[in-house]
């Protein structure tokens, strides 16, 4: 009796997450966490972006090639953009950043400088740039183009800061405008130099414009 040869198992098809559907998931997470404390909410939303990127890239090879020149280029561009802005807008930044990123409990929390400073550094300089660049550049920009990545990045800025900036329409417009301009810059750098330069620039700008003003304001 001939033994019937079993057919090879078909290769499981990789789950494909549509980039625009991923944006809807992020928007839903943003609206669903409006009642949470600001700092916790932002960390959860940035973590959501990382998870969505991991789901989207599941099963795909991810080869990160970079040189010190890529990091140095991003650092230099970030400093060139952010230092003049810091000089011109130091006082507004020192006032607005704690409200946008910490919330109404900013004063009491800033008294615990060591704990809050460490959490702010990790969130703003490491987590936020990595999560935002992987999601908006490596998914949206790469798959849907420059303006899709830039426009949805600006919309994400509104979602991120809606609980605080939403109380003042002018502030919300300013936040949206700032994220749009930064999205254009990051999109250009991504197309010209790649993700490493863009992420380094993003982290540098966050360091200079978001972390340093609050730290200096407390020390001085």
N, C-alpha and C. Protein backbone atom coordinates (compact mmCIF):
# COMPACT_ATOMS: atom_id res chain seq x y z
N UNK A 1 0.84 -1.19 0.00
CA UNK A 1 0.00 0.00 0.00
C UNK A 1 0.88 1.25 0.00
N UNK A 2 0.65 2.08 -0.98
CA UNK A 2 1.46 3.28 -1.08
C UNK A 2 1.07 4.28 -0.01
N UNK A 3 2.11 4.85 0.54
CA UNK A 3 1.88 5.87 1.57
C UNK A 3 1.64 7.20 0.89
N UNK A 4 0.53 7.81 1.21
CA UNK A 4 0.19 9.08 0.58
C UNK A 4 1.06 10.19 1.14
N UNK A 5 1.72 10.90 0.23
CA UNK A 5 2.59 11.97 0.65
C UNK A 5 1.76 13.17 1.09
N UNK A 6 2.08 13.64 2.26
CA UNK A 6 1.34 14.81 2.78
C UNK A 6 1.85 16.06 2.11
N UNK A 7 0.92 16.92 1.79
CA UNK A 7 1.29 18.20 1.16
C UNK A 7 1.93 19.10 2.18
N UNK A 8 2.90 19.90 1.76
CA UNK A 8 3.57 20.80 2.70
C UNK A 8 2.59 21.80 3.29
N UNK A 9 2.83 22.14 4.54
CA UNK A 9 1.98 23.12 5.20
C UNK A 9 2.13 24.48 4.54
N UNK A 10 1.04 25.13 4.23
CA UNK A 10 1.16 26.46 3.63
C UNK A 10 1.76 27.45 4.63
N UNK A 11 2.52 28.36 4.09
CA UNK A 11 3.15 29.37 4.94
C UNK A 11 2.08 30.34 5.44
N UNK A 12 2.08 30.51 6.74
CA UNK A 12 1.09 31.42 7.33
C UNK A 12 1.28 32.83 6.79
N UNK A 13 0.20 33.41 6.40
CA UNK A 13 0.26 34.77 5.86
C UNK A 13 0.42 35.79 6.98
N UNK A 14 1.32 36.73 6.80
CA UNK A 14 1.58 37.75 7.81
C UNK A 14 0.39 38.70 7.92
N UNK A 15 0.03 38.99 9.16
CA UNK A 15 -1.04 39.95 9.40
C UNK A 15 -0.60 41.32 8.92
N UNK A 16 -1.41 41.95 8.09
CA UNK A 16 -1.06 43.26 7.55
C UNK A 16 -1.95 44.33 8.17
N UNK A 17 -1.33 45.25 8.85
CA UNK A 17 -2.03 46.36 9.49
C UNK A 17 -1.99 47.57 8.56
N UNK A 18 -3.15 48.02 8.14
CA UNK A 18 -3.21 49.19 7.27
C UNK A 18 -2.73 50.42 8.04
N UNK A 19 -1.84 51.23 7.45
CA UNK A 19 -1.31 52.40 8.17
C UNK A 19 -2.40 53.38 8.63
N UNK A 20 -3.41 53.60 7.78
CA UNK A 20 -4.46 54.52 8.18
C UNK A 20 -5.33 53.94 9.30
N UNK A 21 -5.53 52.64 9.28
CA UNK A 21 -6.27 52.01 10.37
C UNK A 21 -5.47 52.10 11.67
N UNK A 22 -4.14 52.00 11.57
CA UNK A 22 -3.29 52.18 12.75
C UNK A 22 -3.45 53.58 13.33
N UNK A 23 -3.61 54.58 12.45
CA UNK A 23 -3.85 55.95 12.92
C UNK A 23 -5.18 56.06 13.66
N UNK A 24 -6.19 55.36 13.18
CA UNK A 24 -7.48 55.36 13.86
C UNK A 24 -7.37 54.72 15.24
N UNK A 25 -6.58 53.66 15.35
CA UNK A 25 -6.37 53.03 16.65
C UNK A 25 -5.70 54.01 17.60
N UNK A 26 -4.70 54.73 17.10
CA UNK A 26 -4.01 55.72 17.93
C UNK A 26 -4.97 56.83 18.35
N UNK A 27 -5.79 57.31 17.41
CA UNK A 27 -6.77 58.35 17.74
C UNK A 27 -7.75 57.86 18.79
N UNK A 28 -8.20 56.61 18.66
CA UNK A 28 -9.10 56.05 19.66
C UNK A 28 -8.45 55.96 21.02
N UNK A 29 -7.17 55.59 21.05
CA UNK A 29 -6.44 55.54 22.32
C UNK A 29 -6.31 56.93 22.92
N UNK A 30 -6.09 57.94 22.04
CA UNK A 30 -5.99 59.30 22.53
C UNK A 30 -7.28 59.80 23.15
N UNK A 31 -8.39 59.51 22.51
CA UNK A 31 -9.69 59.95 23.05
C UNK A 31 -10.08 59.13 24.28
N UNK A 32 -9.70 57.88 24.30
CA UNK A 32 -10.07 57.02 25.42
C UNK A 32 -9.28 57.27 26.68
N UNK A 33 -8.18 58.01 26.58
CA UNK A 33 -7.34 58.28 27.75
C UNK A 33 -7.41 59.74 28.20
N UNK A 34 -8.41 60.48 27.74
CA UNK A 34 -8.49 61.91 28.08
C UNK A 34 -8.57 62.15 29.58
N UNK A 35 -9.12 61.21 30.32
CA UNK A 35 -9.30 61.42 31.75
C UNK A 35 -8.07 61.08 32.59
N UNK A 36 -7.03 60.55 31.98
CA UNK A 36 -5.84 60.16 32.73
C UNK A 36 -4.94 61.36 33.00
N UNK A 37 -4.07 61.27 34.02
CA UNK A 37 -3.07 62.32 34.23
C UNK A 37 -2.21 62.52 32.99
N UNK A 38 -1.83 63.76 32.75
CA UNK A 38 -1.17 64.10 31.48
C UNK A 38 0.09 63.30 31.22
N UNK A 39 0.98 63.24 32.19
CA UNK A 39 2.23 62.51 31.98
C UNK A 39 2.02 61.05 31.67
N UNK A 40 1.15 60.39 32.44
CA UNK A 40 0.85 58.98 32.20
C UNK A 40 0.20 58.78 30.84
N UNK A 41 -0.70 59.67 30.48
CA UNK A 41 -1.40 59.56 29.21
C UNK A 41 -0.42 59.63 28.03
N UNK A 42 0.51 60.58 28.08
CA UNK A 42 1.47 60.72 26.99
C UNK A 42 2.35 59.48 26.86
N UNK A 43 2.80 58.95 27.98
CA UNK A 43 3.63 57.74 27.93
C UNK A 43 2.84 56.58 27.32
N UNK A 44 1.58 56.45 27.68
CA UNK A 44 0.74 55.39 27.11
C UNK A 44 0.55 55.56 25.61
N UNK A 45 0.37 56.81 25.17
CA UNK A 45 0.15 57.05 23.74
C UNK A 45 1.44 56.81 22.94
N UNK A 46 2.58 57.23 23.48
CA UNK A 46 3.84 56.95 22.79
C UNK A 46 4.11 55.45 22.75
N UNK A 47 3.77 54.75 23.83
CA UNK A 47 3.93 53.30 23.84
C UNK A 47 3.00 52.65 22.83
N UNK A 48 1.79 53.20 22.67
CA UNK A 48 0.86 52.70 21.65
C UNK A 48 1.46 52.81 20.26
N UNK A 49 2.12 53.92 19.97
CA UNK A 49 2.77 54.08 18.66
C UNK A 49 3.84 53.01 18.45
N UNK A 50 4.62 52.72 19.49
CA UNK A 50 5.64 51.69 19.37
C UNK A 50 5.02 50.31 19.12
N UNK A 51 3.95 50.01 19.83
CA UNK A 51 3.28 48.72 19.65
C UNK A 51 2.71 48.59 18.24
N UNK A 52 2.10 49.66 17.75
CA UNK A 52 1.55 49.64 16.39
C UNK A 52 2.66 49.43 15.37
N UNK A 53 3.81 50.05 15.59
CA UNK A 53 4.94 49.86 14.68
C UNK A 53 5.41 48.41 14.71
N UNK A 54 5.49 47.82 15.92
CA UNK A 54 5.91 46.43 16.04
C UNK A 54 4.94 45.50 15.33
N UNK A 55 3.64 45.77 15.48
CA UNK A 55 2.63 44.93 14.81
C UNK A 55 2.76 45.07 13.30
N UNK A 56 2.95 46.31 12.82
CA UNK A 56 3.04 46.54 11.38
C UNK A 56 4.27 45.87 10.79
N UNK A 57 5.38 45.92 11.52
CA UNK A 57 6.65 45.39 11.00
C UNK A 57 6.87 43.92 11.34
N UNK A 58 5.88 43.26 11.93
CA UNK A 58 6.02 41.84 12.30
C UNK A 58 6.34 41.01 11.06
N UNK A 59 7.41 40.21 11.19
CA UNK A 59 7.78 39.33 10.10
C UNK A 59 8.61 39.97 9.02
N UNK A 60 8.86 41.27 9.11
CA UNK A 60 9.65 41.97 8.10
C UNK A 60 11.07 42.17 8.61
N UNK A 61 12.07 42.04 7.74
CA UNK A 61 13.45 42.30 8.17
C UNK A 61 13.65 43.78 8.45
N UNK A 62 14.27 44.08 9.58
CA UNK A 62 14.56 45.46 9.94
C UNK A 62 16.06 45.60 10.14
N UNK A 63 16.70 46.17 9.17
CA UNK A 63 18.14 46.34 9.23
C UNK A 63 18.46 47.82 9.44
N UNK A 64 19.03 48.10 10.59
CA UNK A 64 19.37 49.48 10.91
C UNK A 64 20.85 49.69 10.67
N UNK A 65 21.16 50.41 9.61
CA UNK A 65 22.54 50.73 9.29
C UNK A 65 22.76 52.22 9.48
N UNK A 66 23.80 52.56 10.21
CA UNK A 66 24.06 53.97 10.46
C UNK A 66 25.55 54.17 10.74
N UNK A 67 25.96 55.40 10.67
CA UNK A 67 27.31 55.78 11.04
C UNK A 67 27.24 56.94 12.01
N UNK A 68 28.37 57.23 12.61
CA UNK A 68 28.41 58.36 13.53
C UNK A 68 28.08 59.67 12.81
N UNK A 69 28.34 59.70 11.51
CA UNK A 69 28.00 60.90 10.73
C UNK A 69 26.50 61.13 10.72
N UNK A 70 25.71 60.07 10.69
CA UNK A 70 24.26 60.21 10.71
C UNK A 70 23.79 60.82 12.03
N UNK A 71 24.34 60.33 13.13
CA UNK A 71 24.00 60.88 14.44
C UNK A 71 24.47 62.32 14.57
N UNK A 72 25.70 62.57 14.13
CA UNK A 72 26.24 63.92 14.21
C UNK A 72 25.46 64.91 13.36
N UNK A 73 25.03 64.48 12.18
CA UNK A 73 24.23 65.35 11.31
C UNK A 73 22.90 65.70 11.98
N UNK A 74 22.24 64.70 12.54
CA UNK A 74 20.99 64.96 13.23
C UNK A 74 21.16 65.87 14.42
N UNK A 75 22.24 65.66 15.19
CA UNK A 75 22.53 66.51 16.34
C UNK A 75 22.78 67.94 15.90
N UNK A 76 23.58 68.11 14.85
CA UNK A 76 23.90 69.45 14.39
C UNK A 76 22.69 70.20 13.87
N UNK A 77 21.86 69.53 13.08
CA UNK A 77 20.65 70.17 12.56
C UNK A 77 19.69 70.50 13.69
N UNK A 78 19.56 69.56 14.63
CA UNK A 78 18.68 69.81 15.78
C UNK A 78 19.12 71.01 16.58
N UNK A 79 20.41 71.14 16.83
CA UNK A 79 20.93 72.30 17.57
C UNK A 79 20.74 73.59 16.77
N UNK A 80 20.99 73.51 15.46
CA UNK A 80 20.83 74.69 14.62
C UNK A 80 19.41 75.22 14.59
N UNK A 81 18.44 74.31 14.68
CA UNK A 81 17.03 74.71 14.68
C UNK A 81 16.58 75.16 16.06
N UNK A 82 16.97 74.43 17.10
CA UNK A 82 16.38 74.62 18.43
C UNK A 82 17.04 75.70 19.27
N UNK A 83 18.34 75.88 19.15
CA UNK A 83 19.01 76.87 20.01
C UNK A 83 18.51 78.29 19.76
N UNK A 84 18.41 78.75 18.50
CA UNK A 84 17.84 80.09 18.29
C UNK A 84 16.41 80.22 18.83
N UNK A 85 15.60 79.16 18.65
CA UNK A 85 14.23 79.19 19.18
C UNK A 85 14.23 79.24 20.70
N UNK A 86 15.16 78.55 21.33
CA UNK A 86 15.25 78.58 22.79
C UNK A 86 15.59 79.99 23.27
N UNK A 87 16.50 80.65 22.60
CA UNK A 87 16.89 82.02 22.99
C UNK A 87 15.71 82.98 22.84
N UNK A 88 14.95 82.82 21.77
CA UNK A 88 13.83 83.74 21.49
C UNK A 88 12.60 83.45 22.34
N UNK A 89 12.39 82.19 22.72
CA UNK A 89 11.12 81.82 23.36
C UNK A 89 11.33 81.10 24.68
N UNK A 90 12.41 81.41 25.39
CA UNK A 90 12.72 80.69 26.62
C UNK A 90 11.60 80.80 27.65
N UNK A 91 11.14 82.01 27.92
CA UNK A 91 10.13 82.22 28.96
C UNK A 91 8.81 81.51 28.63
N UNK A 92 8.27 81.68 27.42
CA UNK A 92 7.03 80.95 27.09
C UNK A 92 7.20 79.44 27.18
N UNK A 93 8.36 78.93 26.75
CA UNK A 93 8.58 77.49 26.81
C UNK A 93 8.64 77.00 28.26
N UNK A 94 9.34 77.75 29.11
CA UNK A 94 9.45 77.36 30.51
C UNK A 94 8.09 77.31 31.20
N UNK A 95 7.16 78.14 30.72
CA UNK A 95 5.81 78.16 31.30
C UNK A 95 4.92 77.10 30.68
N UNK A 96 4.99 76.94 29.36
CA UNK A 96 4.04 76.08 28.66
C UNK A 96 4.38 74.60 28.74
N UNK A 97 5.67 74.27 28.70
CA UNK A 97 6.06 72.86 28.64
C UNK A 97 5.57 72.05 29.84
N UNK A 98 5.72 72.53 31.08
CA UNK A 98 5.19 71.74 32.20
C UNK A 98 3.68 71.53 32.12
N UNK A 99 2.96 72.52 31.62
CA UNK A 99 1.51 72.39 31.51
C UNK A 99 1.15 71.35 30.44
N UNK A 100 1.84 71.40 29.31
CA UNK A 100 1.52 70.49 28.21
C UNK A 100 1.93 69.06 28.50
N UNK A 101 3.08 68.88 29.17
CA UNK A 101 3.63 67.54 29.34
C UNK A 101 3.43 66.95 30.73
N UNK A 102 3.07 67.79 31.71
CA UNK A 102 2.86 67.27 33.06
C UNK A 102 1.43 67.51 33.50
N UNK A 103 0.87 68.66 33.16
CA UNK A 103 -0.53 68.92 33.50
C UNK A 103 -0.69 69.90 34.63
N UNK A 104 -1.87 69.92 35.20
CA UNK A 104 -2.19 70.89 36.24
C UNK A 104 -1.40 70.71 37.51
N UNK A 105 -0.80 69.52 37.70
CA UNK A 105 -0.02 69.27 38.90
C UNK A 105 1.46 69.59 38.69
N UNK A 106 1.76 70.43 37.69
CA UNK A 106 3.14 70.68 37.33
C UNK A 106 3.97 71.22 38.49
N UNK A 107 3.43 72.18 39.22
CA UNK A 107 4.23 72.78 40.29
C UNK A 107 4.61 71.78 41.36
N UNK A 108 3.61 71.03 41.83
CA UNK A 108 3.91 70.07 42.90
C UNK A 108 4.84 68.97 42.41
N UNK A 109 4.68 68.54 41.17
CA UNK A 109 5.53 67.47 40.66
C UNK A 109 6.94 67.96 40.42
N UNK A 110 7.10 69.19 39.97
CA UNK A 110 8.43 69.69 39.70
C UNK A 110 9.26 69.86 40.96
N UNK A 111 8.60 69.87 42.12
CA UNK A 111 9.35 69.93 43.36
C UNK A 111 10.17 68.66 43.57
N UNK A 112 9.70 67.54 43.04
CA UNK A 112 10.44 66.28 43.13
C UNK A 112 11.35 66.20 41.90
N UNK A 113 12.38 67.03 41.90
CA UNK A 113 13.18 67.25 40.69
C UNK A 113 13.87 65.98 40.19
N UNK A 114 14.41 65.19 41.09
CA UNK A 114 15.17 64.02 40.64
C UNK A 114 14.28 63.01 39.93
N UNK A 115 13.13 62.70 40.54
CA UNK A 115 12.23 61.71 39.95
C UNK A 115 11.61 62.21 38.67
N UNK A 116 11.03 63.41 38.74
CA UNK A 116 10.35 63.96 37.57
C UNK A 116 11.34 64.25 36.45
N UNK A 117 12.52 64.74 36.81
CA UNK A 117 13.52 65.03 35.79
C UNK A 117 13.95 63.79 35.04
N UNK A 118 14.13 62.68 35.76
CA UNK A 118 14.52 61.44 35.11
C UNK A 118 13.42 60.91 34.20
N UNK A 119 12.17 60.93 34.69
CA UNK A 119 11.05 60.46 33.88
C UNK A 119 10.85 61.33 32.65
N UNK A 120 10.98 62.64 32.83
CA UNK A 120 10.82 63.55 31.70
C UNK A 120 11.91 63.32 30.66
N UNK A 121 13.14 63.10 31.11
CA UNK A 121 14.24 62.88 30.17
C UNK A 121 13.99 61.61 29.36
N UNK A 122 13.63 60.53 30.05
CA UNK A 122 13.40 59.26 29.35
C UNK A 122 12.23 59.39 28.38
N UNK A 123 11.16 60.05 28.79
CA UNK A 123 9.97 60.16 27.95
C UNK A 123 10.21 61.08 26.75
N UNK A 124 10.75 62.27 27.00
CA UNK A 124 10.86 63.27 25.95
C UNK A 124 12.05 63.05 25.03
N UNK A 125 13.15 62.54 25.56
CA UNK A 125 14.38 62.44 24.77
C UNK A 125 14.56 61.06 24.16
N UNK A 126 14.02 60.03 24.80
CA UNK A 126 14.20 58.68 24.30
C UNK A 126 12.92 58.09 23.72
N UNK A 127 11.86 58.05 24.53
CA UNK A 127 10.63 57.37 24.10
C UNK A 127 9.91 58.11 22.99
N UNK A 128 9.64 59.40 23.19
CA UNK A 128 8.83 60.16 22.22
C UNK A 128 9.46 60.22 20.83
N UNK A 129 10.74 60.63 20.68
CA UNK A 129 11.31 60.68 19.33
C UNK A 129 11.33 59.32 18.64
N UNK A 130 11.69 58.26 19.39
CA UNK A 130 11.75 56.94 18.78
C UNK A 130 10.36 56.48 18.33
N UNK A 131 9.36 56.62 19.21
CA UNK A 131 8.01 56.17 18.87
C UNK A 131 7.44 56.95 17.70
N UNK A 132 7.58 58.27 17.73
CA UNK A 132 6.99 59.11 16.68
C UNK A 132 7.68 58.91 15.34
N UNK A 133 9.00 58.79 15.35
CA UNK A 133 9.70 58.63 14.07
C UNK A 133 9.45 57.25 13.46
N UNK A 134 9.43 56.21 14.29
CA UNK A 134 9.14 54.88 13.75
C UNK A 134 7.74 54.82 13.15
N UNK A 135 6.77 55.41 13.84
CA UNK A 135 5.39 55.31 13.36
C UNK A 135 5.14 56.25 12.17
N UNK A 136 5.45 57.53 12.33
CA UNK A 136 5.06 58.50 11.30
C UNK A 136 6.01 58.52 10.11
N UNK A 137 7.27 58.14 10.30
CA UNK A 137 8.18 58.12 9.17
C UNK A 137 8.32 56.70 8.60
N UNK A 138 8.61 55.71 9.44
CA UNK A 138 8.87 54.37 8.92
C UNK A 138 7.60 53.66 8.45
N UNK A 139 6.45 54.11 8.93
CA UNK A 139 5.19 53.52 8.43
C UNK A 139 4.50 54.49 7.47
N UNK A 140 4.03 55.62 8.00
CA UNK A 140 3.18 56.50 7.19
C UNK A 140 3.94 57.17 6.05
N UNK A 141 5.07 57.78 6.35
CA UNK A 141 5.83 58.46 5.30
C UNK A 141 6.33 57.44 4.26
N UNK A 142 6.88 56.36 4.75
CA UNK A 142 7.44 55.36 3.84
C UNK A 142 6.39 54.71 2.96
N UNK A 143 5.21 54.43 3.53
CA UNK A 143 4.18 53.71 2.80
C UNK A 143 3.17 54.61 2.09
N UNK A 144 2.92 55.81 2.65
CA UNK A 144 1.86 56.68 2.11
C UNK A 144 2.35 58.03 1.61
N UNK A 145 3.64 58.32 1.80
CA UNK A 145 4.18 59.54 1.23
C UNK A 145 4.42 60.66 2.24
N UNK A 146 5.10 61.69 1.75
CA UNK A 146 5.54 62.81 2.58
C UNK A 146 4.38 63.51 3.27
N UNK A 147 3.37 63.91 2.51
CA UNK A 147 2.30 64.73 3.08
C UNK A 147 1.38 63.95 3.99
N UNK A 148 1.23 62.66 3.74
CA UNK A 148 0.44 61.84 4.66
C UNK A 148 1.13 61.76 6.01
N UNK A 149 2.45 61.52 5.99
CA UNK A 149 3.19 61.47 7.24
C UNK A 149 3.19 62.79 7.97
N UNK A 150 3.35 63.89 7.23
CA UNK A 150 3.39 65.22 7.85
C UNK A 150 2.03 65.63 8.39
N UNK A 151 0.98 65.44 7.60
CA UNK A 151 -0.35 65.85 8.03
C UNK A 151 -0.85 65.08 9.23
N UNK A 152 -0.62 63.77 9.23
CA UNK A 152 -1.08 62.96 10.35
C UNK A 152 -0.20 63.17 11.59
N UNK A 153 1.04 63.55 11.39
CA UNK A 153 1.89 63.91 12.53
C UNK A 153 1.35 65.17 13.20
N UNK A 154 0.91 66.15 12.41
CA UNK A 154 0.32 67.36 12.97
C UNK A 154 -0.99 67.03 13.69
N UNK A 155 -1.79 66.16 13.11
CA UNK A 155 -3.04 65.76 13.77
C UNK A 155 -2.76 65.04 15.08
N UNK A 156 -1.70 64.24 15.11
CA UNK A 156 -1.33 63.54 16.34
C UNK A 156 -0.95 64.52 17.43
N UNK A 157 -0.32 65.66 17.05
CA UNK A 157 0.01 66.67 18.05
C UNK A 157 -1.23 67.21 18.74
N UNK A 158 -2.30 67.38 17.98
CA UNK A 158 -3.57 67.83 18.56
C UNK A 158 -4.11 66.78 19.52
N UNK A 159 -4.06 65.50 19.10
CA UNK A 159 -4.56 64.42 19.96
C UNK A 159 -3.75 64.32 21.25
N UNK A 160 -2.43 64.43 21.13
CA UNK A 160 -1.57 64.30 22.30
C UNK A 160 -1.85 65.36 23.35
N UNK A 161 -2.08 66.60 22.90
CA UNK A 161 -2.17 67.72 23.85
C UNK A 161 -3.58 68.29 23.97
N UNK A 162 -4.57 67.53 23.51
CA UNK A 162 -5.94 68.00 23.56
C UNK A 162 -6.44 68.32 24.97
N UNK A 163 -6.13 67.52 26.00
CA UNK A 163 -6.66 67.81 27.33
C UNK A 163 -6.18 69.15 27.90
N UNK A 164 -4.96 69.57 27.57
CA UNK A 164 -4.42 70.81 28.13
C UNK A 164 -4.53 71.96 27.14
N UNK A 165 -3.96 71.80 25.95
CA UNK A 165 -4.01 72.89 24.97
C UNK A 165 -5.41 73.14 24.47
N UNK A 166 -6.26 72.11 24.53
CA UNK A 166 -7.63 72.26 24.05
C UNK A 166 -8.45 73.26 24.83
N UNK A 167 -8.00 73.59 26.03
CA UNK A 167 -8.71 74.58 26.83
C UNK A 167 -8.55 75.99 26.27
N UNK A 168 -7.54 76.19 25.45
CA UNK A 168 -7.28 77.50 24.86
C UNK A 168 -7.06 77.30 23.36
N UNK A 169 -7.97 77.82 22.56
CA UNK A 169 -7.92 77.57 21.12
C UNK A 169 -6.62 78.08 20.50
N UNK A 170 -6.14 79.25 20.95
CA UNK A 170 -4.91 79.80 20.39
C UNK A 170 -3.72 78.88 20.66
N UNK A 171 -3.69 78.29 21.85
CA UNK A 171 -2.60 77.38 22.19
C UNK A 171 -2.67 76.12 21.32
N UNK A 172 -3.88 75.63 21.11
CA UNK A 172 -4.06 74.44 20.28
C UNK A 172 -3.61 74.71 18.84
N UNK A 173 -3.94 75.90 18.33
CA UNK A 173 -3.49 76.28 16.98
C UNK A 173 -1.97 76.36 16.93
N UNK A 174 -1.37 76.94 17.98
CA UNK A 174 0.10 77.06 18.03
C UNK A 174 0.76 75.69 18.07
N UNK A 175 0.20 74.77 18.87
CA UNK A 175 0.74 73.42 18.94
C UNK A 175 0.63 72.72 17.60
N UNK A 176 -0.53 72.87 16.94
CA UNK A 176 -0.72 72.25 15.64
C UNK A 176 0.25 72.82 14.60
N UNK A 177 0.43 74.13 14.63
CA UNK A 177 1.37 74.76 13.70
C UNK A 177 2.80 74.32 13.93
N UNK A 178 3.18 74.23 15.20
CA UNK A 178 4.55 73.81 15.52
C UNK A 178 4.81 72.37 15.08
N UNK A 179 3.86 71.47 15.35
CA UNK A 179 4.05 70.08 14.94
C UNK A 179 4.04 69.93 13.42
N UNK A 180 3.28 70.79 12.74
CA UNK A 180 3.29 70.75 11.27
C UNK A 180 4.66 71.14 10.73
N UNK A 181 5.22 72.23 11.25
CA UNK A 181 6.54 72.67 10.79
C UNK A 181 7.61 71.63 11.10
N UNK A 182 7.56 71.06 12.30
CA UNK A 182 8.52 70.03 12.65
C UNK A 182 8.31 68.79 11.80
N UNK A 183 7.06 68.46 11.50
CA UNK A 183 6.79 67.31 10.64
C UNK A 183 7.39 67.49 9.25
N UNK A 184 7.31 68.71 8.73
CA UNK A 184 7.93 68.99 7.42
C UNK A 184 9.44 68.82 7.50
N UNK A 185 10.05 69.34 8.57
CA UNK A 185 11.50 69.19 8.76
C UNK A 185 11.88 67.72 8.86
N UNK A 186 11.19 66.98 9.71
CA UNK A 186 11.53 65.56 9.89
C UNK A 186 11.29 64.76 8.62
N UNK A 187 10.23 65.10 7.90
CA UNK A 187 9.97 64.40 6.65
C UNK A 187 11.06 64.64 5.63
N UNK A 188 11.53 65.89 5.54
CA UNK A 188 12.62 66.22 4.61
C UNK A 188 13.89 65.46 4.99
N UNK A 189 14.22 65.45 6.29
CA UNK A 189 15.43 64.76 6.74
C UNK A 189 15.33 63.26 6.50
N UNK A 190 14.13 62.71 6.67
CA UNK A 190 13.95 61.27 6.45
C UNK A 190 14.20 60.91 4.98
N UNK A 191 13.67 61.72 4.08
CA UNK A 191 13.87 61.45 2.66
C UNK A 191 15.32 61.66 2.24
N UNK A 192 15.97 62.65 2.84
CA UNK A 192 17.32 63.00 2.42
C UNK A 192 18.39 62.13 3.09
N UNK A 193 18.25 61.87 4.38
CA UNK A 193 19.31 61.21 5.12
C UNK A 193 18.92 59.90 5.80
N UNK A 194 17.62 59.67 6.03
CA UNK A 194 17.22 58.43 6.67
C UNK A 194 16.75 58.59 8.10
N UNK A 195 16.33 57.47 8.69
CA UNK A 195 15.67 57.49 9.98
C UNK A 195 16.59 57.85 11.14
N UNK A 196 17.86 57.46 11.07
CA UNK A 196 18.77 57.72 12.19
C UNK A 196 19.01 59.22 12.35
N UNK A 197 19.27 59.91 11.26
CA UNK A 197 19.46 61.36 11.32
C UNK A 197 18.20 62.05 11.82
N UNK A 198 17.05 61.61 11.31
CA UNK A 198 15.79 62.22 11.72
C UNK A 198 15.52 62.04 13.21
N UNK A 199 15.74 60.83 13.71
CA UNK A 199 15.50 60.55 15.12
C UNK A 199 16.47 61.32 16.01
N UNK A 200 17.72 61.42 15.59
CA UNK A 200 18.71 62.19 16.37
C UNK A 200 18.34 63.67 16.41
N UNK A 201 17.87 64.21 15.29
CA UNK A 201 17.43 65.60 15.24
C UNK A 201 16.22 65.80 16.15
N UNK A 202 15.27 64.90 16.09
CA UNK A 202 14.06 64.98 16.90
C UNK A 202 14.41 64.97 18.39
N UNK A 203 15.28 64.04 18.79
CA UNK A 203 15.68 63.95 20.20
C UNK A 203 16.40 65.21 20.65
N UNK A 204 17.23 65.78 19.79
CA UNK A 204 17.96 67.00 20.14
C UNK A 204 17.02 68.18 20.32
N UNK A 205 16.07 68.31 19.42
CA UNK A 205 15.09 69.40 19.53
C UNK A 205 14.26 69.25 20.80
N UNK A 206 13.85 68.04 21.11
CA UNK A 206 13.11 67.82 22.35
C UNK A 206 13.95 68.17 23.57
N UNK A 207 15.22 67.82 23.53
CA UNK A 207 16.12 68.13 24.65
C UNK A 207 16.23 69.63 24.86
N UNK A 208 16.46 70.37 23.78
CA UNK A 208 16.71 71.81 23.90
C UNK A 208 15.44 72.59 24.18
N UNK A 209 14.35 72.26 23.50
CA UNK A 209 13.14 73.08 23.61
C UNK A 209 12.16 72.61 24.68
N UNK A 210 12.24 71.35 25.09
CA UNK A 210 11.28 70.84 26.06
C UNK A 210 11.89 70.56 27.42
N UNK A 211 13.08 69.98 27.44
CA UNK A 211 13.67 69.58 28.72
C UNK A 211 14.48 70.69 29.36
N UNK A 212 15.34 71.35 28.59
CA UNK A 212 16.24 72.35 29.16
C UNK A 212 15.50 73.56 29.74
N UNK A 213 14.48 74.13 29.08
CA UNK A 213 13.82 75.31 29.67
C UNK A 213 13.25 75.06 31.06
N UNK A 214 12.59 73.93 31.24
CA UNK A 214 12.00 73.63 32.54
C UNK A 214 13.08 73.41 33.58
N UNK A 215 14.15 72.71 33.21
CA UNK A 215 15.24 72.45 34.14
C UNK A 215 15.93 73.73 34.56
N UNK A 216 16.24 74.60 33.59
CA UNK A 216 16.88 75.86 33.91
C UNK A 216 15.98 76.76 34.73
N UNK A 217 14.70 76.75 34.40
CA UNK A 217 13.76 77.61 35.13
C UNK A 217 13.70 77.23 36.61
N UNK A 218 13.79 75.96 36.89
CA UNK A 218 13.75 75.52 38.29
C UNK A 218 15.08 75.83 39.00
N UNK A 219 16.21 75.62 38.30
CA UNK A 219 17.50 75.86 38.91
C UNK A 219 17.78 77.34 39.15
N UNK A 220 17.27 78.18 38.24
CA UNK A 220 17.53 79.61 38.34
C UNK A 220 16.46 80.31 39.17
